Amino acid sequence: MANIKSAKKRILVNKTKADKNKAIKSGVKTAVKKVNAAVAANDKEAAKSALLAATATIDKATSKGVFHKNTASRKVSRLAQAVNKMA
């Protein structure tokens, strides 16, 4: 356990940031699962709306620094590709 005041604060701040990042990543995973479920159900309209929501969620996570921009781009690209293959 840390004895120095600044080290104690670092522990608290890091915990807070880790919890926030975990929540953001969880939201992204949920959005991706919704897109994949719509694709599996062959529901084109639901897939398109879920893709739009997932893209926004991923972009927001990227702007907050949770994901690298290339990772976000890859995720969005794969989701869009899956939705476009349905046609």
PDB file of N, CA and C in Angstrom:
ATOM      1  N   MET A   1       0.840  -1.187   0.000  1.00  0.00           N
ATOM      2  CA  MET A   1       0.000   0.000   0.000  1.00  0.00           C
ATOM      3  C   MET A   1       0.882   1.246   0.000  1.00  0.00           C
ATOM      4  N   ALA A   2       0.448   2.243  -0.727  1.00  0.00           N
ATOM      5  CA  ALA A   2       1.224   3.476  -0.827  1.00  0.00           C
ATOM      6  C   ALA A   2       1.150   4.272   0.478  1.00  0.00           C
ATOM      7  N   ASN A   3       2.262   4.927   0.805  1.00  0.00           N
ATOM      8  CA  ASN A   3       2.306   5.773   2.002  1.00  0.00           C
ATOM      9  C   ASN A   3       2.245   7.251   1.657  1.00  0.00           C
ATOM     10  N   ILE A   4       2.754   7.581   0.489  1.00  0.00           N
ATOM     11  CA  ILE A   4       2.833   8.988   0.087  1.00  0.00           C
ATOM     12  C   ILE A   4       1.480   9.450  -0.441  1.00  0.00           C
ATOM     13  N   LYS A   5       1.120  10.676  -0.067  1.00  0.00           N
ATOM     14  CA  LYS A   5      -0.196  11.214  -0.411  1.00  0.00           C
ATOM     15  C   LYS A   5      -0.441  11.235  -1.924  1.00  0.00           C
ATOM     16  N   SER A   6       0.550  11.652  -2.690  1.00  0.00           N
ATOM     17  CA  SER A   6       0.377  11.721  -4.145  1.00  0.00           C
ATOM     18  C   SER A   6       0.216  10.326  -4.745  1.00  0.00           C
ATOM     19  N   ALA A   7       0.888   9.345  -4.160  1.00  0.00           N
ATOM     20  CA  ALA A   7       0.765   7.975  -4.650  1.00  0.00           C
ATOM     21  C   ALA A   7      -0.628   7.425  -4.361  1.00  0.00           C
ATOM     22  N   LYS A   8      -1.179   7.775  -3.201  1.00  0.00           N
ATOM     23  CA  LYS A   8      -2.544   7.359  -2.853  1.00  0.00           C
ATOM     24  C   LYS A   8      -3.545   7.968  -3.836  1.00  0.00           C
ATOM     25  N   LYS A   9      -3.326   9.245  -4.163  1.00  0.00           N
ATOM     26  CA  LYS A   9      -4.212   9.922  -5.108  1.00  0.00           C
ATOM     27  C   LYS A   9      -4.116   9.260  -6.489  1.00  0.00           C
ATOM     28  N   ARG A  10      -2.904   8.930  -6.921  1.00  0.00           N
ATOM     29  CA  ARG A  10      -2.703   8.260  -8.211  1.00  0.00           C
ATOM     30  C   ARG A  10      -3.512   6.972  -8.273  1.00  0.00           C
ATOM     31  N   ILE A  11      -3.482   6.203  -7.182  1.00  0.00           N
ATOM     32  CA  ILE A  11      -4.222   4.940  -7.140  1.00  0.00           C
ATOM     33  C   ILE A  11      -5.711   5.196  -7.349  1.00  0.00           C
ATOM     34  N   LEU A  12      -6.232   6.207  -6.664  1.00  0.00           N
ATOM     35  CA  LEU A  12      -7.661   6.529  -6.798  1.00  0.00           C
ATOM     36  C   LEU A  12      -8.005   7.012  -8.203  1.00  0.00           C
ATOM     37  N   VAL A  13      -7.162   7.888  -8.744  1.00  0.00           N
ATOM     38  CA  VAL A  13      -7.415   8.440 -10.080  1.00  0.00           C
ATOM     39  C   VAL A  13      -7.349   7.340 -11.132  1.00  0.00           C
ATOM     40  N   ASN A  14      -6.350   6.462 -11.003  1.00  0.00           N
ATOM     41  CA  ASN A  14      -6.210   5.368 -11.970  1.00  0.00           C
ATOM     42  C   ASN A  14      -7.408   4.424 -11.913  1.00  0.00           C
ATOM     43  N   LYS A  15      -7.900   4.158 -10.716  1.00  0.00           N
ATOM     44  CA  LYS A  15      -9.081   3.296 -10.553  1.00  0.00           C
ATOM     45  C   LYS A  15     -10.292   3.934 -11.228  1.00  0.00           C
ATOM     46  N   THR A  16     -10.480   5.230 -11.016  1.00  0.00           N
ATOM     47  CA  THR A  16     -11.604   5.944 -11.615  1.00  0.00           C
ATOM     48  C   THR A  16     -11.532   5.892 -13.139  1.00  0.00           C
ATOM     49  N   LYS A  17     -10.339   6.167 -13.673  1.00  0.00           N
ATOM     50  CA  LYS A  17     -10.174   6.146 -15.128  1.00  0.00           C
ATOM     51  C   LYS A  17     -10.371   4.746 -15.702  1.00  0.00           C
ATOM     52  N   ALA A  18      -9.869   3.733 -14.997  1.00  0.00           N
ATOM     53  CA  ALA A  18     -10.021   2.354 -15.463  1.00  0.00           C
ATOM     54  C   ALA A  18     -11.489   1.959 -15.487  1.00  0.00           C
ATOM     55  N   ASP A  19     -12.244   2.374 -14.464  1.00  0.00           N
ATOM     56  CA  ASP A  19     -13.675   2.068 -14.429  1.00  0.00           C
ATOM     57  C   ASP A  19     -14.414   2.747 -15.582  1.00  0.00           C
ATOM     58  N   LYS A  20     -14.061   3.996 -15.852  1.00  0.00           N
ATOM     59  CA  LYS A  20     -14.706   4.732 -16.940  1.00  0.00           C
ATOM     60  C   LYS A  20     -14.384   4.088 -18.288  1.00  0.00           C
ATOM     61  N   ASN A  21     -13.108   3.724 -18.488  1.00  0.00           N
ATOM     62  CA  ASN A  21     -12.710   3.074 -19.741  1.00  0.00           C
ATOM     63  C   ASN A  21     -13.404   1.731 -19.906  1.00  0.00           C
ATOM     64  N   LYS A  22     -13.553   1.003 -18.801  1.00  0.00           N
ATOM     65  CA  LYS A  22     -14.218  -0.299 -18.846  1.00  0.00           C
ATOM     66  C   LYS A  22     -15.674  -0.134 -19.264  1.00  0.00           C
ATOM     67  N   ALA A  23     -16.337   0.896 -18.744  1.00  0.00           N
ATOM     68  CA  ALA A  23     -17.731   1.152 -19.099  1.00  0.00           C
ATOM     69  C   ALA A  23     -17.858   1.513 -20.581  1.00  0.00           C
ATOM     70  N   ILE A  24     -16.942   2.311 -21.076  1.00  0.00           N
ATOM     71  CA  ILE A  24     -16.968   2.712 -22.484  1.00  0.00           C
ATOM     72  C   ILE A  24     -16.748   1.496 -23.388  1.00  0.00           C
ATOM     73  N   LYS A  25     -15.761   0.654 -23.037  1.00  0.00           N
ATOM     74  CA  LYS A  25     -15.493  -0.549 -23.830  1.00  0.00           C
ATOM     75  C   LYS A  25     -16.684  -1.497 -23.811  1.00  0.00           C
ATOM     76  N   SER A  26     -17.340  -1.584 -22.670  1.00  0.00           N
ATOM     77  CA  SER A  26     -18.517  -2.441 -22.549  1.00  0.00           C
ATOM     78  C   SER A  26     -19.637  -1.943 -23.460  1.00  0.00           C
ATOM     79  N   GLY A  27     -19.806  -0.628 -23.523  1.00  0.00           N
ATOM     80  CA  GLY A  27     -20.812  -0.047 -24.407  1.00  0.00           C
ATOM     81  C   GLY A  27     -20.526  -0.338 -25.867  1.00  0.00           C
ATOM     82  N   VAL A  28     -19.259  -0.292 -26.237  1.00  0.00           N
ATOM     83  CA  VAL A  28     -18.869  -0.605 -27.610  1.00  0.00           C
ATOM     84  C   VAL A  28     -19.173  -2.064 -27.930  1.00  0.00           C
ATOM     85  N   LYS A  29     -18.835  -2.959 -26.991  1.00  0.00           N
ATOM     86  CA  LYS A  29     -19.094  -4.385 -27.205  1.00  0.00           C
ATOM     87  C   LYS A  29     -20.581  -4.652 -27.374  1.00  0.00           C
ATOM     88  N   THR A  30     -21.408  -3.982 -26.582  1.00  0.00           N
ATOM     89  CA  THR A  30     -22.857  -4.149 -26.681  1.00  0.00           C
ATOM     90  C   THR A  30     -23.360  -3.686 -28.044  1.00  0.00           C
ATOM     91  N   ALA A  31     -22.857  -2.533 -28.498  1.00  0.00           N
ATOM     92  CA  ALA A  31     -23.274  -2.002 -29.791  1.00  0.00           C
ATOM     93  C   ALA A  31     -22.876  -2.950 -30.923  1.00  0.00           C
ATOM     94  N   VAL A  32     -21.677  -3.514 -30.828  1.00  0.00           N
ATOM     95  CA  VAL A  32     -21.201  -4.447 -31.857  1.00  0.00           C
ATOM     96  C   VAL A  32     -22.063  -5.711 -31.854  1.00  0.00           C
ATOM     97  N   LYS A  33     -22.415  -6.193 -30.663  1.00  0.00           N
ATOM     98  CA  LYS A  33     -23.253  -7.390 -30.568  1.00  0.00           C
ATOM     99  C   LYS A  33     -24.623  -7.150 -31.188  1.00  0.00           C
ATOM    100  N   LYS A  34     -25.164  -5.938 -31.036  1.00  0.00           N
ATOM    101  CA  LYS A  34     -26.469  -5.625 -31.629  1.00  0.00           C
ATOM    102  C   LYS A  34     -26.394  -5.683 -33.155  1.00  0.00           C
ATOM    103  N   VAL A  35     -25.307  -5.165 -33.710  1.00  0.00           N
ATOM    104  CA  VAL A  35     -25.135  -5.209 -35.162  1.00  0.00           C
ATOM    105  C   VAL A  35     -25.026  -6.664 -35.619  1.00  0.00           C
ATOM    106  N   ASN A  36     -24.195  -7.429 -34.928  1.00  0.00           N
ATOM    107  CA  ASN A  36     -24.002  -8.833 -35.309  1.00  0.00           C
ATOM    108  C   ASN A  36     -25.284  -9.643 -35.180  1.00  0.00           C
ATOM    109  N   ALA A  37     -26.091  -9.345 -34.159  1.00  0.00           N
ATOM    110  CA  ALA A  37     -27.359 -10.050 -33.977  1.00  0.00           C
ATOM    111  C   ALA A  37     -28.323  -9.727 -35.117  1.00  0.00           C
ATOM    112  N   ALA A  38     -28.359  -8.455 -35.526  1.00  0.00           N
ATOM    113  CA  ALA A  38     -29.233  -8.055 -36.628  1.00  0.00           C
ATOM    114  C   ALA A  38     -28.782  -8.698 -37.942  1.00  0.00           C
ATOM    115  N   VAL A  39     -27.475  -8.795 -38.132  1.00  0.00           N
ATOM    116  CA  VAL A  39     -26.946  -9.434 -39.338  1.00  0.00           C
ATOM    117  C   VAL A  39     -27.301 -10.924 -39.332  1.00  0.00           C
ATOM    118  N   ALA A  40     -27.155 -11.556 -38.164  1.00  0.00           N
ATOM    119  CA  ALA A  40     -27.469 -12.985 -38.059  1.00  0.00           C
ATOM    120  C   ALA A  40     -28.952 -13.246 -38.291  1.00  0.00           C
ATOM    121  N   ALA A  41     -29.800 -12.302 -37.856  1.00  0.00           N
ATOM    122  CA  ALA A  41     -31.242 -12.440 -38.041  1.00  0.00           C
ATOM    123  C   ALA A  41     -31.677 -12.037 -39.453  1.00  0.00           C
ATOM    124  N   ASN A  42     -30.719 -11.532 -40.254  1.00  0.00           N
ATOM    125  CA  ASN A  42     -30.976 -11.112 -41.631  1.00  0.00           C
ATOM    126  C   ASN A  42     -31.988  -9.967 -41.694  1.00  0.00           C
ATOM    127  N   ASP A  43     -31.924  -9.074 -40.712  1.00  0.00           N
ATOM    128  CA  ASP A  43     -32.816  -7.914 -40.643  1.00  0.00           C
ATOM    129  C   ASP A  43     -32.047  -6.677 -41.108  1.00  0.00           C
ATOM    130  N   LYS A  44     -32.228  -6.329 -42.374  1.00  0.00           N
ATOM    131  CA  LYS A  44     -31.430  -5.269 -42.997  1.00  0.00           C
ATOM    132  C   LYS A  44     -31.616  -3.901 -42.331  1.00  0.00           C
ATOM    133  N   GLU A  45     -32.863  -3.534 -42.065  1.00  0.00           N
ATOM    134  CA  GLU A  45     -33.128  -2.211 -41.476  1.00  0.00           C
ATOM    135  C   GLU A  45     -32.557  -2.102 -40.062  1.00  0.00           C
ATOM    136  N   ALA A  46     -32.767  -3.139 -39.263  1.00  0.00           N
ATOM    137  CA  ALA A  46     -32.234  -3.127 -37.891  1.00  0.00           C
ATOM    138  C   ALA A  46     -30.708  -3.101 -37.919  1.00  0.00           C
ATOM    139  N   ALA A  47     -30.117  -3.811 -38.865  1.00  0.00           N
ATOM    140  CA  ALA A  47     -28.656  -3.843 -38.979  1.00  0.00           C
ATOM    141  C   ALA A  47     -28.114  -2.464 -39.333  1.00  0.00           C
ATOM    142  N   LYS A  48     -28.790  -1.771 -40.246  1.00  0.00           N
ATOM    143  CA  LYS A  48     -28.326  -0.440 -40.642  1.00  0.00           C
ATOM    144  C   LYS A  48     -28.415   0.553 -39.489  1.00  0.00           C
ATOM    145  N   SER A  49     -29.517   0.525 -38.756  1.00  0.00           N
ATOM    146  CA  SER A  49     -29.655   1.455 -37.626  1.00  0.00           C
ATOM    147  C   SER A  49     -28.694   1.099 -36.499  1.00  0.00           C
ATOM    148  N   ALA A  50     -28.480  -0.200 -36.275  1.00  0.00           N
ATOM    149  CA  ALA A  50     -27.527  -0.631 -35.248  1.00  0.00           C
ATOM    150  C   ALA A  50     -26.100  -0.256 -35.649  1.00  0.00           C
ATOM    151  N   LEU A  51     -25.810  -0.337 -36.944  1.00  0.00           N
ATOM    152  CA  LEU A  51     -24.484   0.046 -37.444  1.00  0.00           C
ATOM    153  C   LEU A  51     -24.235   1.526 -37.208  1.00  0.00           C
ATOM    154  N   LEU A  52     -25.243   2.338 -37.460  1.00  0.00           N
ATOM    155  CA  LEU A  52     -25.120   3.781 -37.243  1.00  0.00           C
ATOM    156  C   LEU A  52     -24.826   4.076 -35.773  1.00  0.00           C
ATOM    157  N   ALA A  53     -25.560   3.419 -34.881  1.00  0.00           N
ATOM    158  CA  ALA A  53     -25.369   3.618 -33.444  1.00  0.00           C
ATOM    159  C   ALA A  53     -23.993   3.107 -33.002  1.00  0.00           C
ATOM    160  N   ALA A  54     -23.590   1.959 -33.525  1.00  0.00           N
ATOM    161  CA  ALA A  54     -22.299   1.377 -33.149  1.00  0.00           C
ATOM    162  C   ALA A  54     -21.145   2.264 -33.623  1.00  0.00           C
ATOM    163  N   THR A  55     -21.272   2.812 -34.816  1.00  0.00           N
ATOM    164  CA  THR A  55     -20.238   3.700 -35.349  1.00  0.00           C
ATOM    165  C   THR A  55     -20.085   4.929 -34.466  1.00  0.00           C
ATOM    166  N   ALA A  56     -21.203   5.495 -34.047  1.00  0.00           N
ATOM    167  CA  ALA A  56     -21.154   6.665 -33.170  1.00  0.00           C
ATOM    168  C   ALA A  56     -20.502   6.316 -31.832  1.00  0.00           C
ATOM    169  N   THR A  57     -20.846   5.159 -31.292  1.00  0.00           N
ATOM    170  CA  THR A  57     -20.280   4.725 -30.010  1.00  0.00           C
ATOM    171  C   THR A  57     -18.775   4.508 -30.120  1.00  0.00           C
ATOM    172  N   ILE A  58     -18.353   3.866 -31.207  1.00  0.00           N
ATOM    173  CA  ILE A  58     -16.921   3.606 -31.411  1.00  0.00           C
ATOM    174  C   ILE A  58     -16.157   4.916 -31.607  1.00  0.00           C
ATOM    175  N   ASP A  59     -16.735   5.838 -32.370  1.00  0.00           N
ATOM    176  CA  ASP A  59     -16.079   7.130 -32.598  1.00  0.00           C
ATOM    177  C   ASP A  59     -15.946   7.922 -31.305  1.00  0.00           C
ATOM    178  N   LYS A  60     -16.968   7.853 -30.466  1.00  0.00           N
ATOM    179  CA  LYS A  60     -16.917   8.555 -29.180  1.00  0.00           C
ATOM    180  C   LYS A  60     -15.836   7.951 -28.286  1.00  0.00           C
ATOM    181  N   ALA A  61     -15.720   6.635 -28.294  1.00  0.00           N
ATOM    182  CA  ALA A  61     -14.685   5.964 -27.504  1.00  0.00           C
ATOM    183  C   ALA A  61     -13.293   6.354 -27.997  1.00  0.00           C
ATOM    184  N   THR A  62     -13.161   6.503 -29.308  1.00  0.00           N
ATOM    185  CA  THR A  62     -11.879   6.897 -29.885  1.00  0.00           C
ATOM    186  C   THR A  62     -11.519   8.325 -29.485  1.00  0.00           C
ATOM    187  N   SER A  63     -12.502   9.205 -29.499  1.00  0.00           N
ATOM    188  CA  SER A  63     -12.229  10.599 -29.142  1.00  0.00           C
ATOM    189  C   SER A  63     -11.853  10.736 -27.669  1.00  0.00           C
ATOM    190  N   LYS A  64     -12.295   9.801 -26.844  1.00  0.00           N
ATOM    191  CA  LYS A  64     -11.951   9.816 -25.427  1.00  0.00           C
ATOM    192  C   LYS A  64     -10.630   9.101 -25.150  1.00  0.00           C
ATOM    193  N   GLY A  65     -10.037   8.512 -26.179  1.00  0.00           N
ATOM    194  CA  GLY A  65      -8.739   7.877 -26.029  1.00  0.00           C
ATOM    195  C   GLY A  65      -8.791   6.439 -25.561  1.00  0.00           C
ATOM    196  N   VAL A  66      -9.968   5.828 -25.601  1.00  0.00           N
ATOM    197  CA  VAL A  66     -10.089   4.437 -25.161  1.00  0.00           C
ATOM    198  C   VAL A  66      -9.579   3.496 -26.252  1.00  0.00           C
ATOM    199  N   PHE A  67      -9.868   3.839 -27.507  1.00  0.00           N
ATOM    200  CA  PHE A  67      -9.383   3.044 -28.634  1.00  0.00           C
ATOM    201  C   PHE A  67      -8.450   3.887 -29.490  1.00  0.00           C
ATOM    202  N   HIS A  68      -7.472   3.227 -30.104  1.00  0.00           N
ATOM    203  CA  HIS A  68      -6.619   3.871 -31.098  1.00  0.00           C
ATOM    204  C   HIS A  68      -7.463   4.081 -32.361  1.00  0.00           C
ATOM    205  N   LYS A  69      -7.139   5.108 -33.124  1.00  0.00           N
ATOM    206  CA  LYS A  69      -7.963   5.425 -34.296  1.00  0.00           C
ATOM    207  C   LYS A  69      -7.972   4.301 -35.330  1.00  0.00           C
ATOM    208  N   ASN A  70      -6.863   3.582 -35.468  1.00  0.00           N
ATOM    209  CA  ASN A  70      -6.829   2.481 -36.423  1.00  0.00           C
ATOM    210  C   ASN A  70      -7.691   1.307 -35.954  1.00  0.00           C
ATOM    211  N   THR A  71      -7.705   1.077 -34.656  1.00  0.00           N
ATOM    212  CA  THR A  71      -8.543   0.013 -34.099  1.00  0.00           C
ATOM    213  C   THR A  71     -10.005   0.335 -34.345  1.00  0.00           C
ATOM    214  N   ALA A  72     -10.378   1.581 -34.099  1.00  0.00           N
ATOM    215  CA  ALA A  72     -11.760   2.007 -34.301  1.00  0.00           C
ATOM    216  C   ALA A  72     -12.141   1.882 -35.773  1.00  0.00           C
ATOM    217  N   SER A  73     -11.248   2.306 -36.642  1.00  0.00           N
ATOM    218  CA  SER A  73     -11.501   2.239 -38.077  1.00  0.00           C
ATOM    219  C   SER A  73     -11.702   0.795 -38.523  1.00  0.00           C
ATOM    220  N   ARG A  74     -10.886  -0.110 -37.987  1.00  0.00           N
ATOM    221  CA  ARG A  74     -10.993  -1.532 -38.332  1.00  0.00           C
ATOM    222  C   ARG A  74     -12.322  -2.102 -37.866  1.00  0.00           C
ATOM    223  N   LYS A  75     -12.739  -1.753 -36.650  1.00  0.00           N
ATOM    224  CA  LYS A  75     -14.008  -2.251 -36.115  1.00  0.00           C
ATOM    225  C   LYS A  75     -15.184  -1.767 -36.969  1.00  0.00           C
ATOM    226  N   VAL A  76     -15.194  -0.478 -37.282  1.00  0.00           N
ATOM    227  CA  VAL A  76     -16.276   0.092 -38.080  1.00  0.00           C
ATOM    228  C   VAL A  76     -16.298  -0.533 -39.468  1.00  0.00           C
ATOM    229  N   SER A  77     -15.124  -0.711 -40.049  1.00  0.00           N
ATOM    230  CA  SER A  77     -15.022  -1.289 -41.386  1.00  0.00           C
ATOM    231  C   SER A  77     -15.583  -2.705 -41.424  1.00  0.00           C
ATOM    232  N   ARG A  78     -15.237  -3.507 -40.423  1.00  0.00           N
ATOM    233  CA  ARG A  78     -15.716  -4.888 -40.394  1.00  0.00           C
ATOM    234  C   ARG A  78     -17.225  -4.957 -40.203  1.00  0.00           C
ATOM    235  N   LEU A  79     -17.746  -4.071 -39.365  1.00  0.00           N
ATOM    236  CA  LEU A  79     -19.195  -4.056 -39.151  1.00  0.00           C
ATOM    237  C   LEU A  79     -19.916  -3.639 -40.432  1.00  0.00           C
ATOM    238  N   ALA A  80     -19.406  -2.586 -41.085  1.00  0.00           N
ATOM    239  CA  ALA A  80     -20.019  -2.094 -42.322  1.00  0.00           C
ATOM    240  C   ALA A  80     -19.967  -3.174 -43.412  1.00  0.00           C
ATOM    241  N   GLN A  81     -18.867  -3.879 -43.454  1.00  0.00           N
ATOM    242  CA  GLN A  81     -18.714  -4.944 -44.438  1.00  0.00           C
ATOM    243  C   GLN A  81     -19.736  -6.049 -44.207  1.00  0.00           C
ATOM    244  N   ALA A  82     -19.967  -6.398 -42.943  1.00  0.00           N
ATOM    245  CA  ALA A  82     -20.935  -7.429 -42.623  1.00  0.00           C
ATOM    246  C   ALA A  82     -22.347  -7.011 -43.010  1.00  0.00           C
ATOM    247  N   VAL A  83     -22.672  -5.727 -42.748  1.00  0.00           N
ATOM    248  CA  VAL A  83     -24.010  -5.231 -43.084  1.00  0.00           C
ATOM    249  C   VAL A  83     -24.178  -5.148 -44.601  1.00  0.00           C
ATOM    250  N   ASN A  84     -23.152  -4.720 -45.294  1.00  0.00           N
ATOM    251  CA  ASN A  84     -23.243  -4.583 -46.756  1.00  0.00           C
ATOM    252  C   ASN A  84     -23.332  -5.928 -47.457  1.00  0.00           C
ATOM    253  N   LYS A  85     -22.769  -6.981 -46.863  1.00  0.00           N
ATOM    254  CA  LYS A  85     -22.838  -8.313 -47.460  1.00  0.00           C
ATOM    255  C   LYS A  85     -24.252  -8.876 -47.450  1.00  0.00           C
ATOM    256  N   MET A  86     -25.103  -8.329 -46.595  1.00  0.00           N
ATOM    257  CA  MET A  86     -26.471  -8.833 -46.485  1.00  0.00           C
ATOM    258  C   MET A  86     -27.281  -8.607 -47.760  1.00  0.00           C
ATOM    259  N   ALA A  87     -26.966  -7.568 -48.487  1.00  0.00           N
ATOM    260  CA  ALA A  87     -27.767  -7.183 -49.658  1.00  0.00           C
ATOM    261  C   ALA A  87     -27.785  -8.202 -50.748  1.00  0.00           C
TER     262      ALA A  87
END
